[in-house]
N, C-alpha and C. Protein backbone atom coordinates (compact mmCIF):
# COMPACT_ATOMS: atom_id res chain seq x y z
N UNK A 1 -65.83 23.08 50.02
CA UNK A 1 -64.87 22.49 49.18
C UNK A 1 -63.58 22.07 49.49
N UNK A 2 -62.93 21.29 49.08
CA UNK A 2 -61.63 20.21 49.84
C UNK A 2 -60.27 20.98 48.90
N UNK A 3 -59.30 21.09 49.76
CA UNK A 3 -58.20 21.27 49.35
C UNK A 3 -56.78 20.24 49.92
N UNK A 4 -56.13 20.05 48.57
CA UNK A 4 -55.03 18.90 48.65
C UNK A 4 -53.51 20.11 48.73
N UNK A 5 -52.80 20.00 49.78
CA UNK A 5 -51.78 20.75 48.93
C UNK A 5 -50.27 19.99 48.82
N UNK A 6 -49.69 20.48 48.02
CA UNK A 6 -48.24 20.38 48.03
C UNK A 6 -47.45 20.85 48.86
N UNK A 7 -46.20 20.42 49.23
CA UNK A 7 -45.55 21.31 49.97
C UNK A 7 -45.14 22.98 49.50
N UNK A 8 -44.86 23.17 48.37
CA UNK A 8 -44.12 24.41 48.58
C UNK A 8 -45.19 25.42 48.67
N UNK A 9 -46.30 25.60 48.05
CA UNK A 9 -47.01 26.48 47.94
C UNK A 9 -47.72 26.46 49.85
N UNK A 10 -47.99 25.24 50.58
CA UNK A 10 -47.80 25.33 52.20
C UNK A 10 -46.72 25.82 52.96
N UNK A 11 -45.50 25.52 52.67
CA UNK A 11 -44.29 25.83 52.45
C UNK A 11 -44.80 27.87 52.90
N UNK A 12 -45.13 28.13 51.99
CA UNK A 12 -44.85 29.71 51.87
C UNK A 12 -46.13 30.32 52.87
N UNK A 13 -46.69 29.65 52.71
CA UNK A 13 -48.18 29.98 53.45
C UNK A 13 -48.00 30.04 55.21
N UNK A 14 -47.25 29.33 55.76
CA UNK A 14 -46.48 28.76 57.12
C UNK A 14 -45.94 30.06 57.00
N UNK A 15 -44.44 30.34 56.32
CA UNK A 15 -43.88 31.26 56.70
C UNK A 15 -44.21 32.82 55.95
N UNK A 16 -45.39 32.96 55.50
CA UNK A 16 -46.01 34.22 55.38
C UNK A 16 -46.71 34.30 57.04
N UNK A 17 -46.60 33.85 57.24
CA UNK A 17 -47.93 33.46 58.68
C UNK A 17 -49.29 33.50 58.67
N UNK A 18 -49.89 32.71 57.22
CA UNK A 18 -51.16 32.86 56.79
C UNK A 18 -52.11 31.61 56.27
N UNK A 19 -51.11 30.71 57.03
CA UNK A 19 -52.01 29.17 56.66
C UNK A 19 -53.34 29.05 57.16
N UNK A 20 -53.39 29.92 58.41
CA UNK A 20 -54.75 29.72 58.74
C UNK A 20 -56.12 30.76 58.03
N UNK A 21 -55.72 31.25 56.41
CA UNK A 21 -56.41 31.22 55.43
C UNK A 21 -57.28 29.86 54.62
N UNK A 22 -56.35 29.02 55.01
CA UNK A 22 -56.91 27.72 54.35
C UNK A 22 -58.40 26.98 54.72
N UNK A 23 -58.30 27.42 55.85
CA UNK A 23 -59.64 26.35 56.59
C UNK A 23 -61.09 27.86 56.39
N UNK A 24 -60.41 28.77 56.03
CA UNK A 24 -61.74 29.64 55.96
C UNK A 24 -61.93 29.78 54.44
N UNK A 25 -61.23 29.50 53.97
CA UNK A 25 -61.75 29.04 52.24
C UNK A 25 -62.21 28.08 51.82
N UNK A 26 -61.93 26.91 53.06
CA UNK A 26 -61.43 25.38 52.46
C UNK A 26 -62.37 24.52 53.94
N UNK A 27 -63.44 23.73 53.19
CA UNK A 27 -63.85 22.91 53.88
C UNK A 27 -62.93 21.60 54.50
N UNK A 28 -62.35 21.58 54.19
CA UNK A 28 -61.18 20.65 54.38
C UNK A 28 -59.93 20.75 54.06
N UNK A 29 -58.64 20.48 54.65
CA UNK A 29 -57.31 20.72 53.92
C UNK A 29 -56.31 19.54 54.58
N UNK A 30 -55.81 18.85 53.21
CA UNK A 30 -55.08 17.45 53.05
C UNK A 30 -53.91 17.75 52.97
N UNK A 31 -52.70 16.70 53.51
CA UNK A 31 -51.83 16.50 52.77
C UNK A 31 -51.71 15.42 52.66
N UNK A 32 -50.84 14.81 52.06
CA UNK A 32 -50.60 13.27 51.84
C UNK A 32 -49.04 13.12 52.35
N UNK A 33 -48.48 12.10 53.25
CA UNK A 33 -47.59 11.66 54.32
C UNK A 33 -46.21 12.16 53.51
N UNK A 34 -46.34 11.95 52.14
CA UNK A 34 -45.27 12.70 51.85
C UNK A 34 -44.77 14.30 51.94
N UNK A 35 -46.20 15.27 51.82
CA UNK A 35 -45.98 15.73 51.97
C UNK A 35 -45.23 16.66 53.62
N UNK A 36 -45.97 15.73 54.30
CA UNK A 36 -45.94 16.32 55.66
C UNK A 36 -44.58 15.88 56.03
N UNK A 37 -43.46 14.57 55.63
CA UNK A 37 -42.24 14.50 55.50
C UNK A 37 -41.42 15.38 54.89
N UNK A 38 -41.76 15.59 53.63
CA UNK A 38 -40.88 17.10 53.01
C UNK A 38 -41.17 18.38 53.98
N UNK A 39 -42.41 18.39 54.85
CA UNK A 39 -42.17 19.83 55.75
C UNK A 39 -41.30 19.39 56.79
N UNK A 40 -40.83 18.63 57.38
CA UNK A 40 -40.07 18.10 58.68
C UNK A 40 -38.72 17.82 58.22
N UNK A 41 -38.43 17.98 56.76
CA UNK A 41 -37.07 18.01 56.29
C UNK A 41 -36.17 19.29 57.42
N UNK A 42 -34.29 18.67 57.08
CA UNK A 42 -33.81 19.20 58.00
C UNK A 42 -33.56 20.76 57.76
N UNK A 43 -33.71 20.78 56.25
CA UNK A 43 -33.49 22.37 55.42
C UNK A 43 -34.85 22.83 55.36
N UNK A 44 -35.92 22.30 55.56
CA UNK A 44 -37.31 23.38 55.48
C UNK A 44 -37.11 24.62 56.46
N UNK A 45 -37.37 25.48 56.46
CA UNK A 45 -37.41 26.45 57.20
C UNK A 45 -38.12 25.71 59.15
N UNK A 46 -37.81 27.09 59.73
CA UNK A 46 -38.37 26.62 61.32
C UNK A 46 -39.48 26.86 61.47
N UNK A 47 -39.88 27.43 61.13
CA UNK A 47 -41.56 27.34 61.00
C UNK A 47 -42.12 26.71 60.54
N UNK A 48 -41.64 26.09 59.33
CA UNK A 48 -42.34 25.28 58.48
C UNK A 48 -41.95 23.82 59.44
N UNK A 49 -40.94 23.41 59.81
CA UNK A 49 -41.00 22.66 61.06
C UNK A 49 -41.78 22.25 61.96
N UNK A 50 -41.72 23.52 62.51
CA UNK A 50 -42.69 23.72 63.81
C UNK A 50 -44.25 23.18 63.86
N UNK A 51 -44.56 24.35 62.46
CA UNK A 51 -45.75 23.90 61.83
C UNK A 51 -46.27 22.39 62.07
N UNK A 52 -45.49 21.69 61.10
CA UNK A 52 -45.86 20.51 60.95
C UNK A 52 -45.69 18.89 62.05
N UNK A 53 -44.98 19.89 63.20
CA UNK A 53 -44.64 18.39 64.26
C UNK A 53 -45.78 18.76 65.51
N UNK A 54 -46.54 20.04 65.16
CA UNK A 54 -47.43 20.38 65.93
C UNK A 54 -48.64 20.56 65.10
N UNK A 55 -49.25 19.67 64.36
CA UNK A 55 -50.11 20.14 63.12
C UNK A 55 -51.63 21.32 63.30
N UNK A 56 -52.04 21.80 62.94
CA UNK A 56 -53.06 22.37 63.54
C UNK A 56 -54.10 21.84 63.17
N UNK A 57 -55.31 21.72 64.15
CA UNK A 57 -56.45 20.37 63.96
C UNK A 57 -57.14 20.65 62.31
N UNK A 58 -57.52 21.66 61.48
CA UNK A 58 -57.44 21.58 60.62
C UNK A 58 -57.04 20.86 59.16
N UNK A 59 -55.74 20.30 60.10
CA UNK A 59 -54.73 20.02 58.95
C UNK A 59 -55.31 18.56 58.96
N UNK A 60 -55.72 17.70 57.66
CA UNK A 60 -55.44 16.33 57.96
C UNK A 60 -54.43 15.52 57.20
N UNK A 61 -53.53 14.82 57.38
CA UNK A 61 -52.60 14.02 56.71
C UNK A 61 -53.22 12.58 56.59
N UNK A 62 -53.47 12.57 55.04
CA UNK A 62 -53.90 11.45 54.26
C UNK A 62 -53.32 10.55 53.21
N UNK A 63 -53.17 9.53 53.37
CA UNK A 63 -52.29 9.18 52.30
C UNK A 63 -53.23 8.36 51.17
N UNK A 64 -52.86 9.13 50.00
CA UNK A 64 -54.30 8.64 48.62
C UNK A 64 -54.14 6.55 48.60
N UNK A 65 -55.13 5.99 48.48
CA UNK A 65 -55.84 4.32 48.46
C UNK A 65 -55.06 4.04 47.23
N UNK A 66 -54.87 4.69 45.57
CA UNK A 66 -54.36 3.96 44.74
C UNK A 66 -53.11 4.59 44.05
N UNK A 67 -52.10 5.03 44.76
CA UNK A 67 -50.94 6.09 44.26
C UNK A 67 -50.09 5.40 43.01
N UNK A 68 -50.22 6.69 41.81
CA UNK A 68 -49.73 6.26 40.60
C UNK A 68 -48.34 7.30 40.77
N UNK A 69 -47.46 6.86 40.20
CA UNK A 69 -46.01 7.57 40.13
C UNK A 69 -45.80 8.33 38.70
N UNK A 70 -45.64 9.33 39.15
CA UNK A 70 -45.70 10.50 37.92
C UNK A 70 -44.25 10.69 37.65
N UNK A 71 -43.12 10.06 36.95
CA UNK A 71 -41.67 10.00 37.08
C UNK A 71 -41.14 11.68 36.84
N UNK A 72 -41.53 12.17 36.50
CA UNK A 72 -41.01 13.82 36.55
C UNK A 72 -41.81 14.77 37.49
N UNK A 73 -41.65 14.27 38.63
CA UNK A 73 -42.61 14.44 39.89
C UNK A 73 -41.96 14.22 40.93
N UNK A 74 -41.69 14.83 42.47
CA UNK A 74 -41.34 14.23 43.30
C UNK A 74 -42.23 13.86 44.18
N UNK A 75 -42.19 12.98 45.06
CA UNK A 75 -42.95 12.24 45.70
C UNK A 75 -44.34 12.61 46.57
N UNK A 76 -43.59 13.78 47.13
CA UNK A 76 -44.66 14.77 47.48
C UNK A 76 -45.61 15.22 46.18
N UNK A 77 -45.55 16.06 45.49
CA UNK A 77 -46.46 15.81 44.19
C UNK A 77 -47.36 15.04 43.38
N UNK A 78 -46.51 14.09 44.25
CA UNK A 78 -47.22 12.69 43.27
C UNK A 78 -48.14 12.71 43.93
N UNK A 79 -47.70 12.54 45.20
CA UNK A 79 -48.85 11.72 46.63
C UNK A 79 -50.16 12.72 46.34
N UNK A 80 -49.63 14.12 46.42
CA UNK A 80 -51.09 15.39 46.22
C UNK A 80 -51.74 15.22 45.41
N UNK A 81 -51.10 15.12 44.15
CA UNK A 81 -52.08 15.10 42.94
C UNK A 81 -52.92 13.60 43.05
N UNK A 82 -52.30 12.63 43.47
CA UNK A 82 -53.36 11.27 43.48
C UNK A 82 -54.09 11.73 44.49
N UNK A 83 -54.28 11.98 45.35
CA UNK A 83 -55.27 12.59 46.80
C UNK A 83 -56.15 13.60 46.34
N UNK A 84 -55.61 14.68 45.89
CA UNK A 84 -56.84 15.28 44.94
C UNK A 84 -57.74 14.31 44.35
N UNK A 85 -56.91 13.69 43.13
CA UNK A 85 -57.74 12.99 41.93
C UNK A 85 -58.87 12.06 42.81
N UNK A 86 -58.55 11.32 43.76
CA UNK A 86 -59.08 10.78 44.76
C UNK A 86 -60.55 11.12 45.42
N UNK A 87 -60.05 12.28 46.07
CA UNK A 87 -60.88 12.92 46.75
C UNK A 87 -61.93 14.38 45.64
N UNK A 88 -61.61 14.07 44.59
CA UNK A 88 -62.17 15.14 43.78
C UNK A 88 -62.03 16.83 44.69
N UNK A 89 -60.75 16.62 44.59
CA UNK A 89 -60.40 18.52 45.43
C UNK A 89 -59.51 19.24 44.47
N UNK A 90 -59.57 20.28 44.79
CA UNK A 90 -58.68 21.11 44.30
C UNK A 90 -57.66 21.07 44.70
N UNK A 91 -56.25 21.09 44.33
CA UNK A 91 -54.77 21.11 44.20
C UNK A 91 -54.11 22.04 44.14
N UNK A 92 -54.12 22.49 45.64
CA UNK A 92 -52.87 23.68 45.42
C UNK A 92 -51.50 23.15 45.39
N UNK A 93 -51.17 23.90 43.90
CA UNK A 93 -49.38 23.21 43.21
C UNK A 93 -49.00 24.69 42.86
N UNK A 94 -47.34 25.03 42.90
CA UNK A 94 -47.05 26.04 42.32
C UNK A 94 -46.13 25.56 41.32
N UNK A 95 -45.22 24.38 41.77
CA UNK A 95 -44.12 24.31 40.42
C UNK A 95 -45.05 24.06 38.95
N UNK A 96 -44.41 24.22 38.18
CA UNK A 96 -45.10 24.35 36.61
C UNK A 96 -45.21 22.71 36.20
N UNK A 97 -44.42 21.97 36.54
CA UNK A 97 -44.38 20.56 36.33
C UNK A 97 -45.70 19.68 36.75
N UNK A 98 -46.09 20.11 38.26
CA UNK A 98 -46.92 19.55 39.02
C UNK A 98 -48.12 20.20 38.64
N UNK A 99 -47.88 21.35 37.90
CA UNK A 99 -49.76 22.15 37.69
C UNK A 99 -49.91 21.46 36.29
N UNK A 100 -49.19 21.30 35.67
CA UNK A 100 -49.19 20.64 34.19
C UNK A 100 -50.09 19.16 34.24
N UNK A 101 -49.28 18.56 34.99
CA UNK A 101 -49.41 16.82 35.74
C UNK A 101 -50.89 16.97 36.19
N UNK A 102 -51.45 18.16 36.71
CA UNK A 102 -52.64 18.22 37.66
C UNK A 102 -53.84 18.53 36.80
N UNK A 103 -53.58 19.64 35.79
CA UNK A 103 -53.95 19.64 35.22
C UNK A 103 -54.68 18.33 33.96
N UNK A 104 -53.47 17.83 33.90
CA UNK A 104 -53.64 16.51 32.46
C UNK A 104 -54.44 15.37 33.01
N UNK A 105 -54.74 15.79 34.82
CA UNK A 105 -55.11 14.66 35.46
C UNK A 105 -57.03 15.40 35.95
N UNK A 106 -56.98 16.53 35.31
CA UNK A 106 -58.30 16.70 35.17
C UNK A 106 -58.76 17.61 36.45
N UNK A 107 -57.73 18.29 37.13
CA UNK A 107 -57.63 18.65 38.43
C UNK A 107 -58.31 19.86 38.16
N UNK A 108 -59.00 20.71 39.07
CA UNK A 108 -58.77 22.47 39.30
C UNK A 108 -57.45 22.47 40.39
N UNK A 109 -56.70 23.55 39.86
CA UNK A 109 -55.44 23.99 40.55
C UNK A 109 -55.66 25.23 41.38
N UNK A 110 -54.39 25.68 42.22
CA UNK A 110 -54.83 26.73 42.74
C UNK A 110 -53.26 26.67 42.74
N UNK A 111 -52.64 28.27 42.70
CA UNK A 111 -51.72 28.70 43.50
C UNK A 111 -50.87 28.91 45.00
N UNK A 112 -50.05 29.06 45.52
CA UNK A 112 -50.22 30.29 46.32
C UNK A 112 -50.96 31.89 46.72
N UNK A 113 -50.23 31.86 45.39
CA UNK A 113 -50.70 33.44 45.19
C UNK A 113 -52.08 33.37 44.99
N UNK A 114 -52.73 32.76 44.54
CA UNK A 114 -54.33 32.47 44.19
C UNK A 114 -54.98 32.62 45.38
N UNK A 115 -54.51 31.81 46.55
CA UNK A 115 -55.17 31.66 47.85
C UNK A 115 -55.00 32.71 48.64
N UNK A 116 -53.91 33.43 48.50
CA UNK A 116 -53.61 34.70 49.39
C UNK A 116 -54.48 35.86 48.46
N UNK A 117 -54.62 36.07 47.27
CA UNK A 117 -55.62 37.04 46.75
C UNK A 117 -57.01 36.13 47.28
N UNK A 118 -57.40 35.17 46.57
CA UNK A 118 -58.68 34.80 46.92
C UNK A 118 -59.37 35.44 48.74
N UNK A 119 -58.07 35.23 49.77
CA UNK A 119 -57.94 35.57 51.04
C UNK A 119 -58.23 36.75 51.52
N UNK A 120 -57.71 37.54 50.69
CA UNK A 120 -57.96 38.90 50.71
C UNK A 120 -59.35 39.04 50.23
N UNK A 121 -59.32 38.88 48.83
CA UNK A 121 -60.79 39.41 48.60
C UNK A 121 -62.05 39.27 49.68
N UNK A 122 -61.65 37.94 50.39
CA UNK A 122 -62.98 37.46 51.78
C UNK A 122 -62.69 38.14 52.77
N UNK A 123 -61.26 39.16 52.86
CA UNK A 123 -61.27 39.85 53.76
C UNK A 123 -60.25 39.54 55.23
N UNK A 124 -60.22 38.51 54.81
CA UNK A 124 -59.03 37.09 55.65
C UNK A 124 -57.61 37.66 55.51
N UNK A 125 -57.22 38.51 54.73
CA UNK A 125 -55.77 39.10 54.79
C UNK A 125 -56.25 41.03 54.29
N UNK A 126 -56.18 41.73 55.35
CA UNK A 126 -56.06 43.22 55.24
C UNK A 126 -55.23 43.64 54.21
N UNK A 127 -54.19 43.64 54.27
CA UNK A 127 -53.36 44.24 53.03
C UNK A 127 -52.18 42.86 52.07
N UNK A 128 -52.86 42.93 51.08
CA UNK A 128 -52.26 41.39 49.99
C UNK A 128 -51.33 42.67 49.55
N UNK A 129 -51.30 43.76 49.56
CA UNK A 129 -50.01 44.24 48.98
C UNK A 129 -48.21 44.24 49.70
N UNK A 130 -48.89 44.22 50.82
CA UNK A 130 -47.74 44.08 52.02
C UNK A 130 -47.26 42.53 52.00
N UNK A 131 -48.44 41.98 51.68
CA UNK A 131 -47.81 40.51 51.97
C UNK A 131 -47.02 39.90 50.79
N UNK A 132 -47.57 40.97 49.52
CA UNK A 132 -46.57 40.24 47.85
C UNK A 132 -44.96 40.78 48.55
N UNK A 133 -44.76 41.73 48.96
CA UNK A 133 -43.43 42.40 49.52
C UNK A 133 -43.21 41.30 50.47
N UNK A 134 -43.70 41.20 51.20
CA UNK A 134 -43.15 39.55 52.46
C UNK A 134 -42.72 38.90 51.22
N UNK A 135 -43.31 38.32 50.43
CA UNK A 135 -42.93 37.11 49.38
C UNK A 135 -41.93 37.63 48.42
N UNK A 136 -41.35 38.90 47.90
CA UNK A 136 -40.30 39.08 47.37
C UNK A 136 -39.06 39.19 48.27
N UNK A 137 -39.37 39.07 49.77
CA UNK A 137 -38.14 38.71 50.45
C UNK A 137 -37.39 37.30 50.39
N UNK A 138 -38.56 36.81 50.62
CA UNK A 138 -38.30 34.63 50.81
C UNK A 138 -37.74 34.19 49.92
N UNK A 139 -36.62 33.11 49.87
CA UNK A 139 -36.55 31.95 49.14
C UNK A 139 -37.68 31.48 47.76
N UNK A 140 -38.48 32.33 47.67
CA UNK A 140 -39.85 31.62 46.52
C UNK A 140 -39.80 32.28 45.71
N UNK A 141 -40.16 31.54 44.23
CA UNK A 141 -39.64 31.67 43.09
C UNK A 141 -41.16 31.69 42.35
N UNK A 142 -41.24 33.15 42.65
CA UNK A 142 -42.65 33.71 41.72
C UNK A 142 -42.21 34.82 41.09
N UNK A 143 -42.86 35.00 39.87
CA UNK A 143 -42.82 36.44 38.90
C UNK A 143 -43.12 37.66 39.79
N UNK A 144 -42.50 38.53 39.15
CA UNK A 144 -43.09 40.09 39.59
C UNK A 144 -44.62 40.23 39.01
N UNK A 145 -44.38 39.61 37.86
CA UNK A 145 -45.74 39.68 36.82
C UNK A 145 -46.90 38.81 37.36
N UNK A 146 -46.77 37.72 37.75
CA UNK A 146 -47.65 36.91 38.69
C UNK A 146 -48.20 37.83 39.96
N UNK A 147 -47.08 38.09 40.73
CA UNK A 147 -47.64 39.45 41.79
C UNK A 147 -48.34 40.55 41.57
N UNK A 148 -47.95 40.75 40.55
CA UNK A 148 -48.38 42.35 40.08
C UNK A 148 -49.86 41.69 39.83
N UNK A 149 -49.82 40.97 38.91
CA UNK A 149 -51.14 40.44 38.12
C UNK A 149 -52.30 40.43 39.68
N UNK A 150 -51.90 39.35 40.92
CA UNK A 150 -52.55 39.12 41.74
C UNK A 150 -53.25 40.50 42.24
N UNK A 151 -52.51 41.43 42.48
CA UNK A 151 -52.41 42.84 43.00
C UNK A 151 -53.74 43.87 41.82
N UNK A 152 -53.16 43.33 41.18
CA UNK A 152 -54.42 44.43 40.33
C UNK A 152 -55.75 43.67 39.86
N UNK A 153 -55.71 42.27 40.05
CA UNK A 153 -57.21 41.65 40.56
C UNK A 153 -57.92 41.78 41.81
N UNK A 154 -57.12 41.80 42.71
CA UNK A 154 -57.92 41.90 44.20
C UNK A 154 -57.98 43.77 44.13
N UNK A 155 -57.43 44.58 43.51
CA UNK A 155 -57.73 45.71 43.57
C UNK A 155 -59.01 46.01 42.81
N UNK A 156 -59.00 45.52 41.80
CA UNK A 156 -60.28 45.25 40.68
C UNK A 156 -61.50 44.81 41.25
N UNK A 157 -61.26 43.67 42.32
CA UNK A 157 -62.02 43.30 42.58
C UNK A 157 -62.47 44.27 44.07
N UNK A 158 -62.13 44.91 44.73
CA UNK A 158 -62.21 45.54 45.96
C UNK A 158 -63.26 46.67 45.21
N UNK A 159 -62.81 47.34 44.08
CA UNK A 159 -63.18 48.59 43.71
C UNK A 159 -64.79 48.71 42.86
N UNK A 160 -65.09 47.12 43.08
CA UNK A 160 -66.73 46.74 42.52
C UNK A 160 -67.07 46.44 43.52
N UNK A 161 -66.60 46.54 44.97
CA UNK A 161 -67.54 46.40 46.04
C UNK A 161 -68.26 47.26 46.48
């Protein structure tokens, strides 16, 4: 299964030190050049700038062939949606407007918290509660309800094993 990442969720995974779960969950991880550019921005966290300055071998930067502009979205989100549509890939996106636009295009979506939950379910992350606690310390806008629900689903998953 392919995944195309928008800036925000990939940014969070890099800051948490868990970007490496992506190739463990997906057959290919792609970002459009616009997302790479956002990651290089001088206001991006240093860890994110370092990540994109020397991207891992599992990350492919690829432009969509026939981009469509979505006026309510930034260029990175628009390009990521276009690339995901073109490749019939899952889209990793967190912002509400991006999620709504992606769903309207028929895309399967997942957010950073969902990726972390899947990684924990697959044993790629040992302590999801600790990761959620780390998220709460960052400048990442996610409701406590989303984190609490994710942790509850993960604990239920583990209890069934």
